[in-house]
Structure formats: C-alpha cells, structure tokens
C-alpha cells in the first residue's frame, strides 16, 4: 500500500499539519516537522485498523509545503 501524506505549515498557528486523502481521518499537527512525521507513523496502524485495511506495510510519501513572507523594504 502507498499513502501520500501532505505536510503543510500553518503560519497562524506556527505548526505543521498532516493530512491525507489516502488515510481518511488523518489530521495531526506538531511544531516540529520531524516530530510530525513520527506522529504519522505512530497513528498509521490505528487508522488502517479503523478503516479495516489489512496490509503488511505501507510506503509513505511525505509531500511538504511551507510559505513565508519576508519584509524587504521597511
């Protein structure tokens, strides 16, 4: 099984947010990018069990996006 995990930076909350169309119910957040990836790995077996998906392994593709604004002249 292969799952695409979207990791987006929320400037207002100052956290990374994980969601996935491949894993219904996945919505996690963390102030640390690496900690969020570990949280996704930890939550994965439970999410699969809730959806009654039986697999031996899951390939995770993490897609990240972060936008920021910099004051250049001010």
PDB file of N, CA and C in Angstrom:
ATOM      1  N   UNK A   1       0.852  -1.181   0.000  1.00  0.00           N
ATOM      2  CA  UNK A   1       0.000   0.000   0.000  1.00  0.00           C
ATOM      3  C   UNK A   1       0.889   1.232   0.000  1.00  0.00           C
ATOM      4  N   UNK A   2       0.444   2.247  -0.698  1.00  0.00           N
ATOM      5  CA  UNK A   2       1.185   3.504  -0.770  1.00  0.00           C
ATOM      6  C   UNK A   2       0.259   4.638  -0.343  1.00  0.00           C
ATOM      7  N   UNK A   3       0.771   5.523   0.513  1.00  0.00           N
ATOM      8  CA  UNK A   3      -0.016   6.654   1.009  1.00  0.00           C
ATOM      9  C   UNK A   3       0.752   7.948   0.819  1.00  0.00           C
ATOM     10  N   UNK A   4       0.061   8.936   0.324  1.00  0.00           N
ATOM     11  CA  UNK A   4       0.633  10.268   0.169  1.00  0.00           C
ATOM     12  C   UNK A   4       0.179  11.106   1.366  1.00  0.00           C
ATOM     13  N   UNK A   5       1.134  11.667   2.082  1.00  0.00           N
ATOM     14  CA  UNK A   5       0.861  12.476   3.264  1.00  0.00           C
ATOM     15  C   UNK A   5       1.258  13.915   2.957  1.00  0.00           C
ATOM     16  N   UNK A   6       0.302  14.827   3.092  1.00  0.00           N
ATOM     17  CA  UNK A   6       0.570  16.244   2.857  1.00  0.00           C
ATOM     18  C   UNK A   6       0.935  16.909   4.177  1.00  0.00           C
ATOM     19  N   UNK A   7       2.076  17.572   4.196  1.00  0.00           N
ATOM     20  CA  UNK A   7       2.534  18.301   5.368  1.00  0.00           C
ATOM     21  C   UNK A   7       2.574  19.783   5.003  1.00  0.00           C
ATOM     22  N   UNK A   8       1.719  20.553   5.645  1.00  0.00           N
ATOM     23  CA  UNK A   8       1.612  21.980   5.337  1.00  0.00           C
ATOM     24  C   UNK A   8       1.920  22.796   6.583  1.00  0.00           C
ATOM     25  N   UNK A   9       2.612  23.901   6.409  1.00  0.00           N
ATOM     26  CA  UNK A   9       2.927  24.804   7.506  1.00  0.00           C
ATOM     27  C   UNK A   9       1.774  25.788   7.692  1.00  0.00           C
ATOM     28  N   UNK A  10       1.274  25.899   8.913  1.00  0.00           N
ATOM     29  CA  UNK A  10       0.218  26.857   9.258  1.00  0.00           C
ATOM     30  C   UNK A  10       0.879  28.034   9.961  1.00  0.00           C
ATOM     31  N   UNK A  11       1.037  29.146   9.221  1.00  0.00           N
ATOM     32  CA  UNK A  11       1.701  30.332   9.782  1.00  0.00           C
ATOM     33  C   UNK A  11       0.978  30.883  10.998  1.00  0.00           C
ATOM     34  N   UNK A  12      -0.344  30.893  10.973  1.00  0.00           N
ATOM     35  CA  UNK A  12      -1.115  31.465  12.073  1.00  0.00           C
ATOM     36  C   UNK A  12      -0.919  30.688  13.370  1.00  0.00           C
ATOM     37  N   UNK A  13      -0.899  29.373  13.287  1.00  0.00           N
ATOM     38  CA  UNK A  13      -0.763  28.531  14.479  1.00  0.00           C
ATOM     39  C   UNK A  13       0.692  28.138  14.752  1.00  0.00           C
ATOM     40  N   UNK A  14       1.580  28.406  13.799  1.00  0.00           N
ATOM     41  CA  UNK A  14       3.002  28.029  13.896  1.00  0.00           C
ATOM     42  C   UNK A  14       3.180  26.532  14.126  1.00  0.00           C
ATOM     43  N   UNK A  15       2.472  25.736  13.325  1.00  0.00           N
ATOM     44  CA  UNK A  15       2.586  24.284  13.402  1.00  0.00           C
ATOM     45  C   UNK A  15       2.552  23.675  12.004  1.00  0.00           C
ATOM     46  N   UNK A  16       3.107  22.477  11.889  1.00  0.00           N
ATOM     47  CA  UNK A  16       2.963  21.660  10.702  1.00  0.00           C
ATOM     48  C   UNK A  16       1.685  20.853  10.854  1.00  0.00           C
ATOM     49  N   UNK A  17       0.938  20.674   9.773  1.00  0.00           N
ATOM     50  CA  UNK A  17      -0.310  19.913   9.786  1.00  0.00           C
ATOM     51  C   UNK A  17      -0.208  18.789   8.752  1.00  0.00           C
ATOM     52  N   UNK A  18      -0.557  17.569   9.174  1.00  0.00           N
ATOM     53  CA  UNK A  18      -0.534  16.408   8.278  1.00  0.00           C
ATOM     54  C   UNK A  18      -1.957  15.991   7.940  1.00  0.00           C
ATOM     55  N   UNK A  19      -2.223  15.795   6.645  1.00  0.00           N
ATOM     56  CA  UNK A  19      -3.500  15.266   6.174  1.00  0.00           C
ATOM     57  C   UNK A  19      -3.206  14.312   5.020  1.00  0.00           C
ATOM     58  N   UNK A  20      -4.202  13.490   4.677  1.00  0.00           N
ATOM     59  CA  UNK A  20      -4.022  12.566   3.564  1.00  0.00           C
ATOM     60  C   UNK A  20      -5.369  12.124   3.023  1.00  0.00           C
ATOM     61  N   UNK A  21      -5.511  12.150   1.728  1.00  0.00           N
ATOM     62  CA  UNK A  21      -6.709  11.597   1.094  1.00  0.00           C
ATOM     63  C   UNK A  21      -6.671  10.075   1.129  1.00  0.00           C
ATOM     64  N   UNK A  22      -5.480   9.503   1.252  1.00  0.00           N
ATOM     65  CA  UNK A  22      -5.329   8.049   1.283  1.00  0.00           C
ATOM     66  C   UNK A  22      -5.629   7.459   2.659  1.00  0.00           C
ATOM     67  N   UNK A  23      -5.592   8.291   3.700  1.00  0.00           N
ATOM     68  CA  UNK A  23      -5.852   7.839   5.065  1.00  0.00           C
ATOM     69  C   UNK A  23      -6.954   8.696   5.676  1.00  0.00           C
ATOM     70  N   UNK A  24      -8.199   8.347   5.422  1.00  0.00           N
ATOM     71  CA  UNK A  24      -9.297   9.137   5.974  1.00  0.00           C
ATOM     72  C   UNK A  24      -9.171   9.269   7.493  1.00  0.00           C
ATOM     73  N   UNK A  25      -9.378  10.475   7.971  1.00  0.00           N
ATOM     74  CA  UNK A  25      -9.299  10.730   9.401  1.00  0.00           C
ATOM     75  C   UNK A  25      -7.948  11.225   9.864  1.00  0.00           C
ATOM     76  N   UNK A  26      -6.947  11.185   8.993  1.00  0.00           N
ATOM     77  CA  UNK A  26      -5.626  11.663   9.402  1.00  0.00           C
ATOM     78  C   UNK A  26      -5.616  13.181   9.435  1.00  0.00           C
ATOM     79  N   UNK A  27      -5.504  13.733  10.618  1.00  0.00           N
ATOM     80  CA  UNK A  27      -5.300  15.166  10.825  1.00  0.00           C
ATOM     81  C   UNK A  27      -4.485  15.291  12.097  1.00  0.00           C
ATOM     82  N   UNK A  28      -3.201  15.582  11.921  1.00  0.00           N
ATOM     83  CA  UNK A  28      -2.290  15.720  13.051  1.00  0.00           C
ATOM     84  C   UNK A  28      -1.536  17.019  12.899  1.00  0.00           C
ATOM     85  N   UNK A  29      -1.030  17.538  14.020  1.00  0.00           N
ATOM     86  CA  UNK A  29      -0.208  18.751  13.953  1.00  0.00           C
ATOM     87  C   UNK A  29       0.920  18.665  14.959  1.00  0.00           C
ATOM     88  N   UNK A  30       1.979  19.419  14.666  1.00  0.00           N
ATOM     89  CA  UNK A  30       3.137  19.479  15.550  1.00  0.00           C
ATOM     90  C   UNK A  30       3.959  20.710  15.189  1.00  0.00           C
ATOM     91  N   UNK A  31       4.628  21.263  16.165  1.00  0.00           N
ATOM     92  CA  UNK A  31       5.518  22.392  15.919  1.00  0.00           C
ATOM     93  C   UNK A  31       6.806  21.972  15.238  1.00  0.00           C
ATOM     94  N   UNK A  32       7.082  20.673  15.226  1.00  0.00           N
ATOM     95  CA  UNK A  32       8.307  20.138  14.635  1.00  0.00           C
ATOM     96  C   UNK A  32       7.975  19.258  13.427  1.00  0.00           C
ATOM     97  N   UNK A  33       8.660  19.495  12.336  1.00  0.00           N
ATOM     98  CA  UNK A  33       8.474  18.714  11.108  1.00  0.00           C
ATOM     99  C   UNK A  33       8.770  17.241  11.364  1.00  0.00           C
ATOM    100  N   UNK A  34       9.927  16.957  11.967  1.00  0.00           N
ATOM    101  CA  UNK A  34      10.319  15.572  12.208  1.00  0.00           C
ATOM    102  C   UNK A  34       9.393  14.884  13.206  1.00  0.00           C
ATOM    103  N   UNK A  35       8.964  15.609  14.230  1.00  0.00           N
ATOM    104  CA  UNK A  35       8.036  15.023  15.207  1.00  0.00           C
ATOM    105  C   UNK A  35       6.706  14.683  14.542  1.00  0.00           C
ATOM    106  N   UNK A  36       6.270  15.492  13.599  1.00  0.00           N
ATOM    107  CA  UNK A  36       5.013  15.223  12.902  1.00  0.00           C
ATOM    108  C   UNK A  36       5.114  13.943  12.078  1.00  0.00           C
ATOM    109  N   UNK A  37       6.221  13.740  11.413  1.00  0.00           N
ATOM    110  CA  UNK A  37       6.415  12.507  10.640  1.00  0.00           C
ATOM    111  C   UNK A  37       6.342  11.299  11.572  1.00  0.00           C
ATOM    112  N   UNK A  38       6.959  11.383  12.736  1.00  0.00           N
ATOM    113  CA  UNK A  38       6.897  10.280  13.701  1.00  0.00           C
ATOM    114  C   UNK A  38       5.472  10.069  14.209  1.00  0.00           C
ATOM    115  N   UNK A  39       4.722  11.141  14.417  1.00  0.00           N
ATOM    116  CA  UNK A  39       3.324  11.009  14.855  1.00  0.00           C
ATOM    117  C   UNK A  39       2.483  10.303  13.791  1.00  0.00           C
ATOM    118  N   UNK A  40       2.739  10.611  12.514  1.00  0.00           N
ATOM    119  CA  UNK A  40       2.012   9.954  11.423  1.00  0.00           C
ATOM    120  C   UNK A  40       2.309   8.458  11.442  1.00  0.00           C
ATOM    121  N   UNK A  41       3.584   8.095  11.574  1.00  0.00           N
ATOM    122  CA  UNK A  41       3.965   6.678  11.607  1.00  0.00           C
ATOM    123  C   UNK A  41       3.309   5.959  12.785  1.00  0.00           C
ATOM    124  N   UNK A  42       3.205   6.618  13.911  1.00  0.00           N
ATOM    125  CA  UNK A  42       2.601   6.031  15.106  1.00  0.00           C
ATOM    126  C   UNK A  42       1.086   5.848  14.930  1.00  0.00           C
ATOM    127  N   UNK A  43       0.432   6.820  14.284  1.00  0.00           N
ATOM    128  CA  UNK A  43      -1.023   6.785  14.107  1.00  0.00           C
ATOM    129  C   UNK A  43      -1.462   5.862  12.974  1.00  0.00           C
ATOM    130  N   UNK A  44      -0.584   5.580  12.046  1.00  0.00           N
ATOM    131  CA  UNK A  44      -0.929   4.808  10.850  1.00  0.00           C
ATOM    132  C   UNK A  44      -1.594   3.462  11.147  1.00  0.00           C
ATOM    133  N   UNK A  45      -1.032   2.603  11.985  1.00  0.00           N
ATOM    134  CA  UNK A  45      -1.685   1.304  12.223  1.00  0.00           C
ATOM    135  C   UNK A  45      -3.115   1.442  12.760  1.00  0.00           C
ATOM    136  N   UNK A  46      -3.341   2.397  13.643  1.00  0.00           N
ATOM    137  CA  UNK A  46      -4.680   2.590  14.194  1.00  0.00           C
ATOM    138  C   UNK A  46      -5.660   3.064  13.123  1.00  0.00           C
ATOM    139  N   UNK A  47      -5.229   3.999  12.286  1.00  0.00           N
ATOM    140  CA  UNK A  47      -6.101   4.480  11.212  1.00  0.00           C
ATOM    141  C   UNK A  47      -6.457   3.360  10.236  1.00  0.00           C
ATOM    142  N   UNK A  48      -5.476   2.540   9.899  1.00  0.00           N
ATOM    143  CA  UNK A  48      -5.744   1.429   8.987  1.00  0.00           C
ATOM    144  C   UNK A  48      -6.708   0.434   9.622  1.00  0.00           C
ATOM    145  N   UNK A  49      -6.533   0.167  10.910  1.00  0.00           N
ATOM    146  CA  UNK A  49      -7.423  -0.761  11.612  1.00  0.00           C
ATOM    147  C   UNK A  49      -8.853  -0.216  11.652  1.00  0.00           C
ATOM    148  N   UNK A  50      -9.004   1.099  11.891  1.00  0.00           N
ATOM    149  CA  UNK A  50     -10.335   1.699  11.925  1.00  0.00           C
ATOM    150  C   UNK A  50     -11.051   1.582  10.582  1.00  0.00           C
ATOM    151  N   UNK A  51     -10.280   1.625   9.500  1.00  0.00           N
ATOM    152  CA  UNK A  51     -10.849   1.505   8.160  1.00  0.00           C
ATOM    153  C   UNK A  51     -10.870   0.053   7.675  1.00  0.00           C
ATOM    154  N   UNK A  52     -10.502  -0.882   8.567  1.00  0.00           N
ATOM    155  CA  UNK A  52     -10.477  -2.319   8.266  1.00  0.00           C
ATOM    156  C   UNK A  52      -9.605  -2.620   7.042  1.00  0.00           C
ATOM    157  N   UNK A  53      -8.452  -1.952   6.979  1.00  0.00           N
ATOM    158  CA  UNK A  53      -7.481  -2.177   5.905  1.00  0.00           C
ATOM    159  C   UNK A  53      -6.368  -3.050   6.467  1.00  0.00           C
ATOM    160  N   UNK A  54      -6.173  -4.214   5.867  1.00  0.00           N
ATOM    161  CA  UNK A  54      -5.174  -5.157   6.335  1.00  0.00           C
ATOM    162  C   UNK A  54      -4.016  -5.207   5.342  1.00  0.00           C
ATOM    163  N   UNK A  55      -2.877  -4.693   5.765  1.00  0.00           N
ATOM    164  CA  UNK A  55      -1.669  -4.704   4.939  1.00  0.00           C
ATOM    165  C   UNK A  55      -0.481  -5.051   5.840  1.00  0.00           C
ATOM    166  N   UNK A  56       0.597  -5.515   5.226  1.00  0.00           N
ATOM    167  CA  UNK A  56       1.815  -5.813   5.982  1.00  0.00           C
ATOM    168  C   UNK A  56       2.721  -4.599   6.113  1.00  0.00           C
ATOM    169  N   UNK A  57       2.648  -3.712   5.137  1.00  0.00           N
ATOM    170  CA  UNK A  57       3.464  -2.496   5.175  1.00  0.00           C
ATOM    171  C   UNK A  57       2.775  -1.409   4.364  1.00  0.00           C
ATOM    172  N   UNK A  58       3.236  -0.187   4.579  1.00  0.00           N
ATOM    173  CA  UNK A  58       2.690   0.956   3.851  1.00  0.00           C
ATOM    174  C   UNK A  58       3.847   1.886   3.495  1.00  0.00           C
ATOM    175  N   UNK A  59       3.998   2.200   2.228  1.00  0.00           N
ATOM    176  CA  UNK A  59       5.009   3.163   1.791  1.00  0.00           C
ATOM    177  C   UNK A  59       4.427   4.567   1.945  1.00  0.00           C
ATOM    178  N   UNK A  60       5.095   5.392   2.712  1.00  0.00           N
ATOM    179  CA  UNK A  60       4.623   6.752   2.955  1.00  0.00           C
ATOM    180  C   UNK A  60       5.419   7.740   2.119  1.00  0.00           C
ATOM    181  N   UNK A  61       4.710   8.569   1.363  1.00  0.00           N
ATOM    182  CA  UNK A  61       5.331   9.649   0.591  1.00  0.00           C
ATOM    183  C   UNK A  61       4.919  10.962   1.233  1.00  0.00           C
ATOM    184  N   UNK A  62       5.881  11.637   1.870  1.00  0.00           N
ATOM    185  CA  UNK A  62       5.606  12.899   2.540  1.00  0.00           C
ATOM    186  C   UNK A  62       5.856  14.043   1.572  1.00  0.00           C
ATOM    187  N   UNK A  63       4.816  14.844   1.351  1.00  0.00           N
ATOM    188  CA  UNK A  63       4.896  15.997   0.464  1.00  0.00           C
ATOM    189  C   UNK A  63       4.746  17.241   1.343  1.00  0.00           C
ATOM    190  N   UNK A  64       5.781  18.076   1.392  1.00  0.00           N
ATOM    191  CA  UNK A  64       5.714  19.237   2.289  1.00  0.00           C
ATOM    192  C   UNK A  64       5.630  20.534   1.513  1.00  0.00           C
ATOM    193  N   UNK A  65       4.975  21.497   2.152  1.00  0.00           N
ATOM    194  CA  UNK A  65       4.839  22.829   1.568  1.00  0.00           C
ATOM    195  C   UNK A  65       4.876  23.849   2.694  1.00  0.00           C
ATOM    196  N   UNK A  66       5.725  24.847   2.523  1.00  0.00           N
ATOM    197  CA  UNK A  66       5.795  25.926   3.504  1.00  0.00           C
ATOM    198  C   UNK A  66       5.980  27.238   2.766  1.00  0.00           C
ATOM    199  N   UNK A  67       5.143  28.182   3.095  1.00  0.00           N
ATOM    200  CA  UNK A  67       5.230  29.520   2.527  1.00  0.00           C
ATOM    201  C   UNK A  67       5.551  30.498   3.639  1.00  0.00           C
ATOM    202  N   UNK A  68       6.245  31.544   3.292  1.00  0.00           N
ATOM    203  CA  UNK A  68       6.581  32.573   4.280  1.00  0.00           C
ATOM    204  C   UNK A  68       6.655  33.915   3.572  1.00  0.00           C
ATOM    205  N   UNK A  69       6.636  34.966   4.341  1.00  0.00           N
ATOM    206  CA  UNK A  69       6.726  36.316   3.793  1.00  0.00           C
ATOM    207  C   UNK A  69       7.893  37.018   4.482  1.00  0.00           C
ATOM    208  N   UNK A  70       8.695  37.736   3.683  1.00  0.00           N
ATOM    209  CA  UNK A  70       9.854  38.447   4.208  1.00  0.00           C
ATOM    210  C   UNK A  70       9.698  39.921   3.866  1.00  0.00           C
ATOM    211  N   UNK A  71       9.879  40.774   4.859  1.00  0.00           N
ATOM    212  CA  UNK A  71       9.861  42.229   4.640  1.00  0.00           C
ATOM    213  C   UNK A  71      11.200  42.618   4.044  1.00  0.00           C
ATOM    214  N   UNK A  72      11.170  43.159   2.835  1.00  0.00           N
ATOM    215  CA  UNK A  72      12.394  43.509   2.122  1.00  0.00           C
ATOM    216  C   UNK A  72      12.730  44.982   2.319  1.00  0.00           C
ATOM    217  N   UNK A  73      11.742  45.847   2.190  1.00  0.00           N
ATOM    218  CA  UNK A  73      11.943  47.279   2.361  1.00  0.00           C
ATOM    219  C   UNK A  73      10.975  47.764   3.432  1.00  0.00           C
ATOM    220  N   UNK A  74      11.493  48.242   4.514  1.00  0.00           N
ATOM    221  CA  UNK A  74      10.539  48.658   5.516  1.00  0.00           C
ATOM    222  C   UNK A  74      11.136  49.481   6.543  1.00  0.00           C
TER     223      UNK A  74
END
